[in-house]
N, C-alpha and C. Protein backbone atom coordinates (compact mmCIF):
# COMPACT_ATOMS: atom_id res chain seq x y z
N MET A 1 89.63 -95.95 -155.27
CA MET A 1 87.87 -96.25 -154.91
C MET A 1 87.65 -97.34 -154.47
N PRO A 2 86.43 -97.32 -153.18
CA PRO A 2 86.50 -98.56 -152.56
C PRO A 2 85.87 -99.34 -153.05
N GLU A 3 86.47 -101.20 -152.88
CA GLU A 3 86.19 -102.23 -153.56
C GLU A 3 84.75 -102.07 -154.00
N LYS A 4 83.76 -101.90 -152.89
CA LYS A 4 82.42 -101.98 -153.10
C LYS A 4 81.75 -101.06 -153.89
N LEU A 5 82.34 -100.27 -154.01
CA LEU A 5 81.62 -98.86 -154.75
C LEU A 5 82.23 -99.53 -156.46
N GLN A 6 82.98 -99.96 -156.37
CA GLN A 6 83.34 -100.54 -158.13
C GLN A 6 82.67 -101.42 -158.51
N TYR A 7 82.21 -102.35 -157.81
CA TYR A 7 81.34 -103.39 -158.33
C TYR A 7 79.81 -102.58 -158.14
N LYS A 8 79.45 -102.05 -157.72
CA LYS A 8 78.19 -100.74 -157.66
C LYS A 8 78.54 -100.38 -159.12
N LYS A 9 79.07 -99.99 -159.45
CA LYS A 9 79.10 -99.38 -161.06
C LYS A 9 79.56 -100.24 -162.08
N MET A 10 79.42 -101.60 -162.12
CA MET A 10 79.54 -102.56 -163.38
C MET A 10 78.34 -102.60 -163.60
N SER A 11 78.00 -102.95 -164.97
CA SER A 11 77.02 -103.49 -165.92
C SER A 11 77.13 -105.37 -165.09
N THR A 12 75.59 -105.47 -165.51
CA THR A 12 75.06 -106.86 -165.05
C THR A 12 76.20 -107.55 -165.57
N GLU A 13 76.08 -107.49 -167.07
CA GLU A 13 77.21 -108.44 -167.81
C GLU A 13 79.04 -108.24 -167.69
N GLU A 14 79.25 -107.62 -166.75
CA GLU A 14 80.82 -107.70 -166.03
C GLU A 14 80.36 -108.79 -164.69
N LEU A 15 79.25 -108.14 -163.73
CA LEU A 15 79.20 -108.87 -162.74
C LEU A 15 79.30 -110.57 -162.83
N VAL A 16 78.89 -110.64 -164.20
CA VAL A 16 78.27 -111.82 -164.44
C VAL A 16 79.32 -112.58 -165.12
N ILE A 17 80.45 -112.18 -165.59
CA ILE A 17 81.76 -112.91 -166.45
C ILE A 17 82.45 -112.90 -165.01
N LEU A 18 82.84 -111.64 -164.17
CA LEU A 18 83.27 -111.95 -162.57
C LEU A 18 83.15 -113.36 -162.14
N SER A 19 81.43 -113.27 -162.10
CA SER A 19 81.50 -114.60 -160.98
C SER A 19 81.42 -115.42 -161.65
N GLN A 20 81.57 -115.55 -162.90
CA GLN A 20 81.92 -116.86 -163.08
C GLN A 20 83.54 -117.16 -163.32
N GLN A 21 84.25 -116.22 -163.13
CA GLN A 21 85.55 -116.40 -162.89
C GLN A 21 85.80 -116.85 -161.23
N ASN A 22 84.81 -117.00 -160.30
CA ASN A 22 84.60 -117.13 -159.13
C ASN A 22 85.33 -115.65 -158.20
N ASP A 23 84.54 -114.96 -158.86
CA ASP A 23 84.79 -113.63 -157.92
C ASP A 23 83.45 -113.49 -157.17
N LEU A 24 84.07 -113.51 -155.96
CA LEU A 24 82.70 -113.65 -154.96
C LEU A 24 82.18 -112.46 -154.92
N ARG A 25 82.78 -111.07 -155.03
CA ARG A 25 81.84 -109.98 -154.33
C ARG A 25 81.22 -109.30 -155.77
N ALA A 26 81.33 -109.97 -156.79
CA ALA A 26 80.83 -110.13 -158.18
C ALA A 26 79.69 -110.42 -158.16
N LEU A 27 79.43 -111.68 -157.66
CA LEU A 27 78.20 -112.70 -157.36
C LEU A 27 77.59 -112.14 -156.78
N GLU A 28 78.05 -111.84 -155.11
CA GLU A 28 77.67 -111.14 -154.05
C GLU A 28 76.61 -109.54 -154.91
N GLU A 29 77.05 -108.74 -155.44
CA GLU A 29 76.70 -107.91 -155.68
C GLU A 29 75.44 -108.28 -157.22
N LEU A 30 75.98 -108.98 -157.72
CA LEU A 30 74.42 -109.55 -158.58
C LEU A 30 72.98 -109.95 -157.83
N ILE A 31 73.85 -110.95 -157.15
CA ILE A 31 72.71 -111.50 -156.24
C ILE A 31 71.63 -110.31 -155.61
N ARG A 32 72.55 -109.46 -154.98
CA ARG A 32 71.59 -108.08 -154.31
C ARG A 32 71.08 -107.15 -155.11
N ARG A 33 71.34 -106.88 -156.73
CA ARG A 33 70.87 -106.58 -157.68
C ARG A 33 69.42 -107.50 -157.66
N GLU A 34 69.59 -108.19 -157.76
CA GLU A 34 68.36 -109.14 -158.57
C GLU A 34 66.85 -109.69 -157.43
N GLN A 35 68.10 -109.38 -155.94
CA GLN A 35 66.92 -110.45 -155.15
C GLN A 35 65.33 -109.80 -155.07
N LYS A 36 65.63 -108.43 -154.55
CA LYS A 36 64.00 -107.36 -154.86
C LYS A 36 63.31 -107.77 -156.30
N ASN A 37 64.07 -107.98 -157.36
CA ASN A 37 63.07 -108.09 -158.19
C ASN A 37 62.47 -109.47 -158.29
N ILE A 38 63.34 -110.39 -157.73
CA ILE A 38 62.84 -111.85 -157.84
C ILE A 38 61.65 -112.53 -157.47
N PHE A 39 62.12 -111.67 -155.86
CA PHE A 39 60.90 -111.80 -154.78
C PHE A 39 59.35 -111.02 -155.42
N THR A 40 59.62 -109.85 -155.99
CA THR A 40 58.32 -109.08 -156.49
C THR A 40 57.76 -110.30 -157.20
N THR A 41 58.48 -110.61 -158.44
CA THR A 41 57.89 -111.52 -159.30
C THR A 41 57.21 -112.86 -158.47
N PHE A 42 57.83 -113.50 -157.83
CA PHE A 42 57.36 -114.42 -156.92
C PHE A 42 56.03 -114.23 -155.93
N SER A 43 56.18 -113.27 -155.66
CA SER A 43 54.89 -112.17 -154.84
C SER A 43 53.84 -112.34 -155.83
N TYR A 44 53.87 -112.28 -156.80
CA TYR A 44 52.85 -112.06 -158.27
C TYR A 44 52.56 -113.54 -158.57
N LEU A 45 53.56 -114.21 -158.73
CA LEU A 45 53.39 -115.58 -159.14
C LEU A 45 52.52 -116.40 -158.68
N SER A 46 52.97 -116.13 -157.15
CA SER A 46 52.18 -117.27 -156.15
C SER A 46 51.41 -116.88 -154.99
N GLN A 47 50.29 -117.52 -155.31
CA GLN A 47 49.30 -116.50 -154.51
C GLN A 47 49.26 -117.41 -152.67
N LYS A 48 50.40 -118.02 -152.35
CA LYS A 48 50.34 -118.67 -150.66
C LYS A 48 51.95 -117.36 -150.73
N ARG A 49 51.45 -116.32 -149.94
CA ARG A 49 52.86 -115.45 -149.68
C ARG A 49 53.73 -116.10 -149.05
N GLU A 50 53.22 -117.52 -147.90
CA GLU A 50 54.34 -117.76 -147.26
C GLU A 50 55.52 -118.57 -148.22
N ASN A 51 55.48 -118.86 -149.42
CA ASN A 51 56.09 -119.51 -150.44
C ASN A 51 56.98 -117.98 -151.08
N THR A 52 56.78 -117.16 -150.73
CA THR A 52 57.64 -116.43 -151.60
C THR A 52 59.12 -115.92 -151.25
N ALA A 53 59.13 -116.46 -150.00
CA ALA A 53 60.54 -116.13 -149.50
C ALA A 53 61.60 -117.55 -149.82
N ASP A 54 60.47 -118.26 -149.89
CA ASP A 54 61.73 -119.78 -149.61
C ASP A 54 61.98 -119.39 -151.46
N LEU A 55 60.81 -119.25 -152.42
CA LEU A 55 61.34 -119.60 -153.60
C LEU A 55 62.44 -118.32 -154.05
N THR A 56 62.35 -117.37 -153.73
CA THR A 56 63.39 -116.23 -154.01
C THR A 56 64.58 -116.65 -153.54
N GLN A 57 64.26 -117.41 -152.27
CA GLN A 57 65.92 -117.96 -152.06
C GLN A 57 66.48 -119.36 -152.74
N GLU A 58 65.83 -120.03 -153.01
CA GLU A 58 66.19 -120.97 -154.02
C GLU A 58 66.44 -120.81 -155.60
N ALA A 59 65.92 -119.45 -155.57
CA ALA A 59 66.40 -118.84 -157.35
C ALA A 59 68.11 -118.15 -156.92
N LEU A 60 68.00 -117.86 -156.05
CA LEU A 60 69.15 -116.67 -155.81
C LEU A 60 70.38 -117.90 -155.59
N LEU A 61 69.75 -119.02 -155.12
CA LEU A 61 71.28 -119.81 -154.66
C LEU A 61 71.39 -120.83 -155.78
N ARG A 62 70.13 -121.13 -156.75
CA ARG A 62 70.64 -121.61 -158.42
C ARG A 62 71.22 -120.93 -159.20
N VAL A 63 70.96 -119.53 -159.10
CA VAL A 63 71.70 -118.85 -159.92
C VAL A 63 73.51 -118.48 -158.94
N ALA A 64 73.58 -118.93 -158.09
CA ALA A 64 74.94 -118.74 -157.44
C ALA A 64 75.94 -120.28 -157.90
N LYS A 65 74.49 -121.10 -157.96
CA LYS A 65 75.11 -122.54 -158.18
C LYS A 65 75.50 -123.18 -159.51
N ASN A 66 74.84 -122.47 -160.58
CA ASN A 66 75.06 -122.28 -161.70
C ASN A 66 75.02 -121.74 -162.73
N ILE A 67 75.73 -120.07 -162.11
CA ILE A 67 76.28 -118.92 -163.12
C ILE A 67 77.31 -119.24 -164.07
N HIS A 68 78.57 -120.49 -163.86
CA HIS A 68 79.28 -121.00 -164.88
C HIS A 68 78.58 -121.61 -165.55
N THR A 69 77.49 -121.84 -165.71
CA THR A 69 76.60 -122.70 -167.09
C THR A 69 76.02 -121.76 -168.10
N LEU A 70 75.86 -120.54 -167.65
CA LEU A 70 75.84 -119.81 -168.52
C LEU A 70 76.89 -119.03 -169.41
N LYS A 71 76.14 -119.45 -170.88
CA LYS A 71 76.95 -119.66 -171.50
C LYS A 71 77.35 -117.66 -172.44
N ASN A 72 76.29 -117.51 -172.59
CA ASN A 72 76.62 -115.78 -172.73
C ASN A 72 75.96 -114.65 -171.73
N PRO A 73 76.63 -114.26 -171.15
CA PRO A 73 76.68 -113.42 -170.06
C PRO A 73 75.93 -112.48 -170.33
N LYS A 74 75.49 -112.14 -171.78
CA LYS A 74 74.48 -110.90 -172.47
C LYS A 74 73.00 -111.51 -171.80
N ASN A 75 72.81 -112.78 -172.21
CA ASN A 75 71.29 -113.38 -171.97
C ASN A 75 71.17 -113.69 -170.62
N PHE A 76 71.74 -112.89 -169.47
CA PHE A 76 71.60 -113.25 -167.85
C PHE A 76 70.44 -113.29 -167.48
N LYS A 77 69.54 -112.22 -168.11
CA LYS A 77 68.31 -111.82 -167.90
C LYS A 77 67.19 -112.72 -167.76
N SER A 78 67.44 -113.48 -169.32
CA SER A 78 66.56 -114.56 -169.71
C SER A 78 66.53 -115.82 -168.90
N TRP A 79 68.39 -116.21 -168.79
CA TRP A 79 68.54 -117.30 -168.23
C TRP A 79 67.97 -117.30 -166.41
N LEU A 80 67.82 -116.02 -165.96
CA LEU A 80 67.29 -116.27 -164.43
C LEU A 80 65.85 -116.08 -164.67
N ASN A 81 65.28 -115.71 -165.89
CA ASN A 81 63.95 -115.62 -165.37
C ASN A 81 63.31 -117.15 -165.83
N GLN A 82 64.15 -118.24 -166.87
CA GLN A 82 64.56 -119.33 -166.86
C GLN A 82 63.99 -120.17 -165.72
N ILE A 83 65.15 -119.90 -164.85
CA ILE A 83 65.40 -120.43 -163.43
C ILE A 83 64.05 -120.13 -162.28
N VAL A 84 63.74 -118.53 -162.49
CA VAL A 84 62.10 -118.13 -161.74
C VAL A 84 61.16 -119.37 -162.36
N THR A 85 60.65 -119.28 -163.44
CA THR A 85 59.63 -120.35 -164.07
C THR A 85 60.09 -121.32 -163.77
N ASN A 86 61.27 -122.06 -164.25
CA ASN A 86 61.49 -123.17 -163.94
C ASN A 86 60.99 -123.69 -161.83
N LEU A 87 61.01 -122.81 -161.43
CA LEU A 87 61.00 -122.86 -159.48
C LEU A 87 59.20 -122.37 -159.44
N PHE A 88 58.86 -121.61 -160.32
CA PHE A 88 57.10 -121.59 -160.13
C PHE A 88 56.38 -123.09 -160.47
N TYR A 89 56.63 -123.65 -161.49
CA TYR A 89 55.59 -124.57 -162.10
C TYR A 89 56.37 -126.04 -161.35
N ASP A 90 57.24 -125.99 -160.38
CA ASP A 90 57.92 -126.97 -159.79
C ASP A 90 57.04 -126.61 -158.62
N GLU A 91 56.78 -125.77 -157.85
CA GLU A 91 56.44 -125.72 -156.70
C GLU A 91 54.61 -125.99 -157.00
N LEU A 92 54.47 -124.93 -158.36
CA LEU A 92 52.52 -125.53 -158.57
C LEU A 92 52.41 -127.28 -158.61
N ARG A 93 53.70 -127.98 -158.88
CA ARG A 93 53.40 -129.53 -158.85
C ARG A 93 53.52 -130.19 -157.84
N LYS A 94 54.24 -129.26 -156.84
CA LYS A 94 54.52 -129.91 -155.58
C LYS A 94 53.08 -129.39 -154.37
N LEU A 95 52.20 -128.37 -154.93
CA LEU A 95 51.60 -127.93 -154.33
C LEU A 95 49.78 -128.89 -154.95
N GLN A 96 50.14 -129.45 -155.66
CA GLN A 96 49.17 -130.48 -156.46
C GLN A 96 49.49 -131.43 -155.61
N ARG A 97 50.29 -131.80 -154.88
CA ARG A 97 50.32 -133.32 -154.86
C ARG A 97 50.16 -133.16 -153.08
N ARG A 98 50.20 -131.67 -152.41
CA ARG A 98 50.12 -131.52 -150.72
C ARG A 98 48.69 -131.10 -150.46
N PRO A 99 48.40 -131.20 -149.65
CA PRO A 99 47.18 -130.77 -148.97
C PRO A 99 47.24 -129.21 -148.50
N GLU A 100 46.34 -128.20 -148.32
CA GLU A 100 46.36 -127.02 -148.50
C GLU A 100 46.62 -127.10 -146.55
N ILE A 101 47.34 -125.89 -146.56
CA ILE A 101 47.63 -125.83 -144.97
C ILE A 101 47.43 -124.37 -144.91
N LEU A 102 46.43 -123.97 -143.23
CA LEU A 102 45.96 -122.70 -143.09
C LEU A 102 47.22 -122.17 -142.00
N SER A 103 47.33 -120.88 -142.62
CA SER A 103 48.38 -119.56 -141.72
C SER A 103 47.57 -119.53 -140.16
N ILE A 104 48.14 -119.26 -139.38
CA ILE A 104 48.00 -118.77 -138.07
C ILE A 104 47.73 -117.04 -138.08
N ASP A 105 48.19 -116.40 -139.61
CA ASP A 105 47.72 -115.01 -139.79
C ASP A 105 46.50 -115.08 -140.30
N ASP A 106 45.87 -115.82 -141.14
CA ASP A 106 44.74 -116.02 -141.67
C ASP A 106 43.26 -116.04 -140.60
N GLU A 107 42.40 -114.97 -141.09
CA GLU A 107 41.56 -115.00 -140.54
C GLU A 107 40.38 -115.37 -139.89
N ASP A 108 39.98 -116.22 -139.39
CA ASP A 108 38.58 -117.00 -139.40
C ASP A 108 37.51 -116.14 -139.28
N ALA A 109 36.44 -116.50 -140.76
CA ALA A 109 35.42 -115.52 -140.85
C ALA A 109 34.20 -116.55 -139.97
N GLU A 110 34.24 -117.78 -140.04
CA GLU A 110 32.93 -118.03 -139.37
C GLU A 110 33.04 -117.65 -137.78
N ASN A 111 34.55 -117.70 -136.95
CA ASN A 111 34.38 -117.62 -135.70
C ASN A 111 35.83 -116.29 -135.80
N PRO A 112 35.22 -115.07 -135.12
CA PRO A 112 36.67 -113.79 -135.35
C PRO A 112 36.75 -114.25 -133.86
N ALA A 113 36.57 -114.70 -132.91
CA ALA A 113 37.11 -114.94 -131.82
C ALA A 113 38.33 -115.48 -131.90
N PHE A 114 38.21 -116.49 -132.88
CA PHE A 114 39.84 -117.03 -132.63
C PHE A 114 41.12 -117.12 -134.18
N SER A 115 40.63 -115.69 -134.02
CA SER A 115 41.28 -115.30 -135.60
C SER A 115 42.52 -114.49 -134.38
N ILE A 116 43.88 -114.59 -135.11
CA ILE A 116 44.95 -114.58 -134.97
C ILE A 116 45.75 -113.18 -135.82
N LYS A 117 45.51 -112.28 -135.69
CA LYS A 117 46.65 -111.85 -136.46
C LYS A 117 47.87 -111.09 -136.08
N LEU A 118 49.10 -111.21 -136.43
CA LEU A 118 50.17 -110.84 -136.42
C LEU A 118 50.66 -109.55 -136.63
N GLN A 119 50.84 -108.73 -136.26
CA GLN A 119 51.16 -107.43 -136.93
C GLN A 119 52.54 -106.74 -135.88
N LEU A 120 53.12 -106.35 -137.21
CA LEU A 120 54.54 -105.58 -137.22
C LEU A 120 54.58 -103.86 -137.67
N PRO A 121 54.78 -103.10 -136.46
CA PRO A 121 54.48 -101.33 -136.80
C PRO A 121 55.59 -101.49 -138.49
N ASP A 122 55.01 -100.75 -138.59
CA ASP A 122 56.28 -100.14 -140.19
C ASP A 122 56.46 -98.49 -139.69
N LYS A 123 58.00 -98.28 -138.91
CA LYS A 123 58.12 -96.91 -138.65
C LYS A 123 58.62 -96.22 -140.37
N LYS A 124 58.74 -96.58 -141.14
CA LYS A 124 58.97 -95.95 -142.07
C LYS A 124 58.08 -94.97 -143.29
N CYS A 125 56.60 -95.70 -142.78
CA CYS A 125 55.67 -94.93 -143.69
C CYS A 125 54.27 -94.55 -142.99
N LYS A 126 53.81 -93.95 -143.02
CA LYS A 126 52.25 -93.43 -142.39
C LYS A 126 51.43 -93.98 -143.35
N PRO A 127 50.59 -94.27 -142.50
CA PRO A 127 49.01 -95.53 -143.07
C PRO A 127 48.40 -94.47 -143.94
N HIS A 128 48.79 -93.06 -143.53
CA HIS A 128 47.59 -92.52 -144.73
C HIS A 128 48.55 -92.14 -146.10
N GLU A 129 49.66 -92.02 -145.77
CA GLU A 129 50.34 -91.77 -147.19
C GLU A 129 50.63 -92.85 -148.36
N LYS A 130 50.08 -94.14 -147.56
CA LYS A 130 50.15 -95.42 -148.35
C LYS A 130 49.05 -95.87 -148.55
N CYS A 131 47.90 -95.02 -148.03
CA CYS A 131 46.91 -95.95 -148.45
C CYS A 131 46.11 -96.53 -149.59
N ALA A 132 45.79 -95.26 -150.37
CA ALA A 132 45.56 -95.19 -151.93
C ALA A 132 46.21 -96.50 -152.53
N SER A 133 47.83 -96.23 -152.60
CA SER A 133 48.61 -97.10 -153.61
C SER A 133 48.59 -98.39 -153.08
N SER A 134 48.81 -98.33 -151.60
CA SER A 134 49.09 -99.50 -151.38
C SER A 134 47.58 -100.77 -151.53
N GLU A 135 46.51 -99.86 -151.03
CA GLU A 135 44.76 -100.55 -151.81
C GLU A 135 44.73 -100.84 -153.36
N LEU A 136 45.29 -100.15 -153.88
CA LEU A 136 45.14 -100.21 -155.38
C LEU A 136 46.61 -101.80 -155.80
N GLU A 137 47.73 -101.31 -155.50
CA GLU A 137 48.48 -102.29 -155.40
C GLU A 137 47.97 -104.02 -154.91
N LYS A 138 47.37 -104.05 -154.11
CA LYS A 138 46.34 -105.10 -153.48
C LYS A 138 45.55 -105.88 -154.71
N MET A 139 44.72 -104.79 -155.20
CA MET A 139 43.89 -104.98 -156.08
C MET A 139 44.61 -105.87 -157.29
N ILE A 140 45.54 -105.09 -157.92
CA ILE A 140 46.54 -105.12 -158.89
C ILE A 140 46.96 -106.65 -158.91
N LYS A 141 47.63 -106.75 -157.64
CA LYS A 141 48.25 -108.13 -157.23
C LYS A 141 47.28 -109.47 -157.35
N ASN A 142 45.73 -109.01 -156.93
CA ASN A 142 44.63 -109.92 -156.36
C ASN A 142 44.01 -110.00 -157.81
N ALA A 143 44.46 -109.08 -158.79
CA ALA A 143 43.82 -109.67 -160.32
C ALA A 143 44.81 -110.14 -161.05
N ILE A 144 45.80 -110.02 -160.85
CA ILE A 144 46.83 -111.00 -161.68
C ILE A 144 46.76 -112.39 -161.18
N GLN A 145 46.63 -112.41 -159.86
CA GLN A 145 46.64 -113.79 -159.04
C GLN A 145 45.65 -115.10 -159.17
N GLN A 146 44.31 -113.63 -160.03
CA GLN A 146 43.79 -114.63 -160.03
C GLN A 146 43.44 -115.11 -161.56
N LEU A 147 44.36 -114.53 -162.30
CA LEU A 147 44.43 -114.58 -163.54
C LEU A 147 44.59 -116.25 -163.73
N PRO A 148 44.20 -116.56 -165.16
CA PRO A 148 44.78 -119.00 -165.33
C PRO A 148 46.49 -118.35 -165.06
N GLU A 149 47.10 -119.36 -164.79
CA GLU A 149 48.38 -119.58 -164.81
C GLU A 149 48.89 -119.50 -166.29
N PRO A 150 49.08 -119.78 -167.36
CA PRO A 150 49.78 -119.31 -168.43
C PRO A 150 50.08 -117.63 -168.60
N PHE A 151 48.09 -117.02 -168.48
CA PHE A 151 48.02 -115.50 -168.60
C PHE A 151 49.15 -114.77 -167.39
N ARG A 152 49.02 -115.48 -166.35
CA ARG A 152 49.94 -115.00 -164.90
C ARG A 152 51.25 -114.83 -165.18
N ILE A 153 51.69 -115.82 -165.65
CA ILE A 153 53.19 -115.81 -165.88
C ILE A 153 53.44 -115.31 -167.00
N ALA A 154 52.70 -115.07 -168.48
CA ALA A 154 52.95 -114.02 -169.62
C ALA A 154 53.31 -112.89 -168.79
N ILE A 155 52.17 -112.49 -168.11
CA ILE A 155 52.28 -110.86 -168.19
C ILE A 155 53.35 -110.21 -167.09
N ILE A 156 53.18 -111.27 -166.11
CA ILE A 156 54.09 -111.14 -165.14
C ILE A 156 55.61 -110.99 -166.05
N LEU A 157 55.89 -112.00 -166.72
CA LEU A 157 57.29 -111.52 -167.24
C LEU A 157 57.74 -110.39 -167.96
N ARG A 158 56.24 -110.07 -168.56
CA ARG A 158 56.05 -109.08 -169.64
C ARG A 158 56.53 -107.78 -169.19
N GLU A 159 55.18 -107.60 -167.71
CA GLU A 159 55.02 -106.29 -167.52
C GLU A 159 56.17 -105.64 -166.38
N LEU A 160 56.36 -106.88 -165.11
CA LEU A 160 57.19 -106.61 -164.14
C LEU A 160 58.86 -107.25 -164.55
N GLN A 161 58.99 -108.01 -165.51
CA GLN A 161 60.75 -108.16 -165.53
C GLN A 161 60.93 -107.42 -166.76
N GLY A 162 59.98 -107.37 -167.63
CA GLY A 162 60.46 -106.55 -169.07
C GLY A 162 60.76 -106.94 -169.99
N LEU A 163 60.66 -108.55 -170.17
CA LEU A 163 61.17 -109.24 -171.39
C LEU A 163 60.32 -109.06 -172.42
N SER A 164 61.48 -109.55 -173.50
CA SER A 164 60.38 -109.67 -174.82
C SER A 164 59.54 -110.72 -174.85
N TYR A 165 58.88 -110.65 -175.77
CA TYR A 165 57.71 -111.99 -176.73
C TYR A 165 58.84 -113.10 -176.58
N GLU A 166 60.10 -113.01 -177.81
CA GLU A 166 60.73 -113.88 -177.94
C GLU A 166 61.60 -114.57 -176.14
N GLU A 167 62.11 -114.01 -175.42
CA GLU A 167 62.56 -114.16 -174.48
C GLU A 167 61.10 -115.18 -173.42
N ILE A 168 59.78 -114.57 -173.29
CA ILE A 168 58.79 -114.94 -172.67
C ILE A 168 58.75 -116.80 -173.46
N ALA A 169 58.47 -116.67 -174.84
CA ALA A 169 58.34 -117.78 -175.12
C ALA A 169 59.74 -118.84 -174.76
N SER A 170 60.69 -118.64 -174.60
CA SER A 170 61.90 -119.32 -174.47
C SER A 170 61.45 -119.67 -173.33
N ALA A 171 60.80 -118.77 -172.07
CA ALA A 171 61.12 -119.43 -170.48
C ALA A 171 60.08 -120.15 -170.54
N THR A 172 59.27 -120.09 -171.36
CA THR A 172 57.58 -121.29 -170.92
C THR A 172 57.31 -121.72 -171.86
N ASN A 173 58.31 -122.18 -172.77
CA ASN A 173 58.40 -123.27 -173.85
C ASN A 173 57.18 -123.24 -174.88
N ALA A 174 57.00 -121.36 -175.24
CA ALA A 174 55.25 -121.59 -176.09
C ALA A 174 56.36 -121.06 -177.25
N SER A 175 54.93 -120.52 -178.59
CA SER A 175 55.57 -119.78 -179.51
C SER A 175 55.15 -118.19 -179.48
N VAL A 176 56.08 -117.85 -179.74
CA VAL A 176 55.29 -115.98 -179.90
C VAL A 176 54.12 -115.89 -179.97
N GLY A 177 53.79 -116.28 -180.79
CA GLY A 177 52.27 -115.68 -181.16
C GLY A 177 51.13 -116.32 -179.99
N THR A 178 51.76 -117.66 -179.43
CA THR A 178 50.64 -117.67 -178.04
C THR A 178 51.01 -116.67 -176.36
N VAL A 179 52.33 -116.35 -176.55
CA VAL A 179 52.82 -115.50 -175.33
C VAL A 179 52.29 -113.98 -175.87
N LYS A 180 51.95 -113.63 -177.21
CA LYS A 180 51.50 -112.26 -177.35
C LYS A 180 49.63 -112.38 -177.02
N SER A 181 49.49 -113.76 -177.48
CA SER A 181 48.08 -113.94 -177.41
C SER A 181 47.87 -114.11 -175.81
N ARG A 182 48.36 -114.94 -175.50
CA ARG A 182 48.42 -114.86 -173.51
C ARG A 182 47.90 -113.62 -172.97
N ILE A 183 49.33 -112.74 -173.33
CA ILE A 183 49.08 -111.56 -172.84
C ILE A 183 48.30 -110.12 -172.95
N ALA A 184 47.63 -110.39 -174.09
CA ALA A 184 46.41 -109.91 -174.87
C ALA A 184 45.76 -109.89 -173.95
N ARG A 185 45.34 -111.39 -173.59
CA ARG A 185 43.78 -111.96 -173.00
C ARG A 185 43.92 -111.37 -171.44
N ALA A 186 45.51 -111.71 -171.22
CA ALA A 186 45.64 -111.52 -169.45
C ALA A 186 45.05 -109.63 -169.35
N ARG A 187 45.61 -108.74 -170.53
CA ARG A 187 45.44 -107.50 -170.16
C ARG A 187 43.83 -106.94 -170.16
N GLY A 188 43.02 -107.87 -171.06
CA GLY A 188 41.79 -107.67 -170.81
C GLY A 188 41.01 -108.40 -170.08
N LYS A 189 41.93 -109.13 -169.15
CA LYS A 189 40.94 -109.67 -168.16
C LYS A 189 41.21 -108.52 -166.87
N LEU A 190 42.84 -108.31 -167.16
CA LEU A 190 42.70 -107.02 -165.75
C LEU A 190 42.11 -106.34 -165.90
N GLN A 191 41.67 -105.73 -167.09
CA GLN A 191 41.06 -104.21 -167.69
C GLN A 191 39.80 -104.27 -166.96
N GLU A 192 38.68 -105.58 -167.22
CA GLU A 192 37.72 -105.87 -166.47
C GLU A 192 37.47 -106.09 -165.36
N CYS A 193 38.39 -106.58 -165.08
CA CYS A 193 38.47 -107.04 -163.61
C CYS A 193 38.61 -105.59 -162.47
N LEU A 194 39.74 -104.70 -162.90
CA LEU A 194 39.58 -103.38 -162.36
C LEU A 194 39.08 -102.18 -162.86
N ARG A 195 38.23 -102.32 -164.03
CA ARG A 195 37.50 -101.13 -163.86
C ARG A 195 36.75 -100.54 -163.12
N PRO A 196 35.86 -101.48 -161.98
CA PRO A 196 34.93 -100.79 -161.21
C PRO A 196 36.20 -99.78 -160.11
N TYR A 197 37.24 -99.72 -160.16
CA TYR A 197 38.31 -99.41 -158.90
C TYR A 197 39.13 -98.38 -159.77
N ILE A 198 39.39 -98.24 -160.58
CA ILE A 198 40.27 -97.52 -161.56
C ILE A 198 39.63 -96.67 -162.93
């Protein structure tokens, strides 16, 4: 069996154990599996899309650097989400100290003549096929990003990452009751916001 295929068939726990034993191929496979999930999480958490790739890269670097510090490989998912949550909070603190920067891709509503829009063709999909789902996804993402920060983090960790209430409580330093309340309130706000569209 080719070596690469062997790693693809391993469980996350097995990959973590091998990564902790300095097996670089296991670490590479672990990172490959998690990168899309982390990117998606940050794209929902962060309102600035240009930060998403940087945050994802930083999270993956921290995984690679600190995998040896994880005591129980079964807790990898919680440990990873703690890294993601901490990075997000760090980014929020930085943004509060930094003035807002405008992207050249943003449209200038007051002066459309000066709007620059960078567009790259997507050869994989046809616009009419993805239009409805893409539009709905944008609405959902926008609605999530409008939630107060504690609600946003809780709902993303629950719905996108599939964490238990206890794991979310641990990642956000809150009680389980608080987490349940935040998720319930986030769901209520999302339903209210999306009712006209769904």
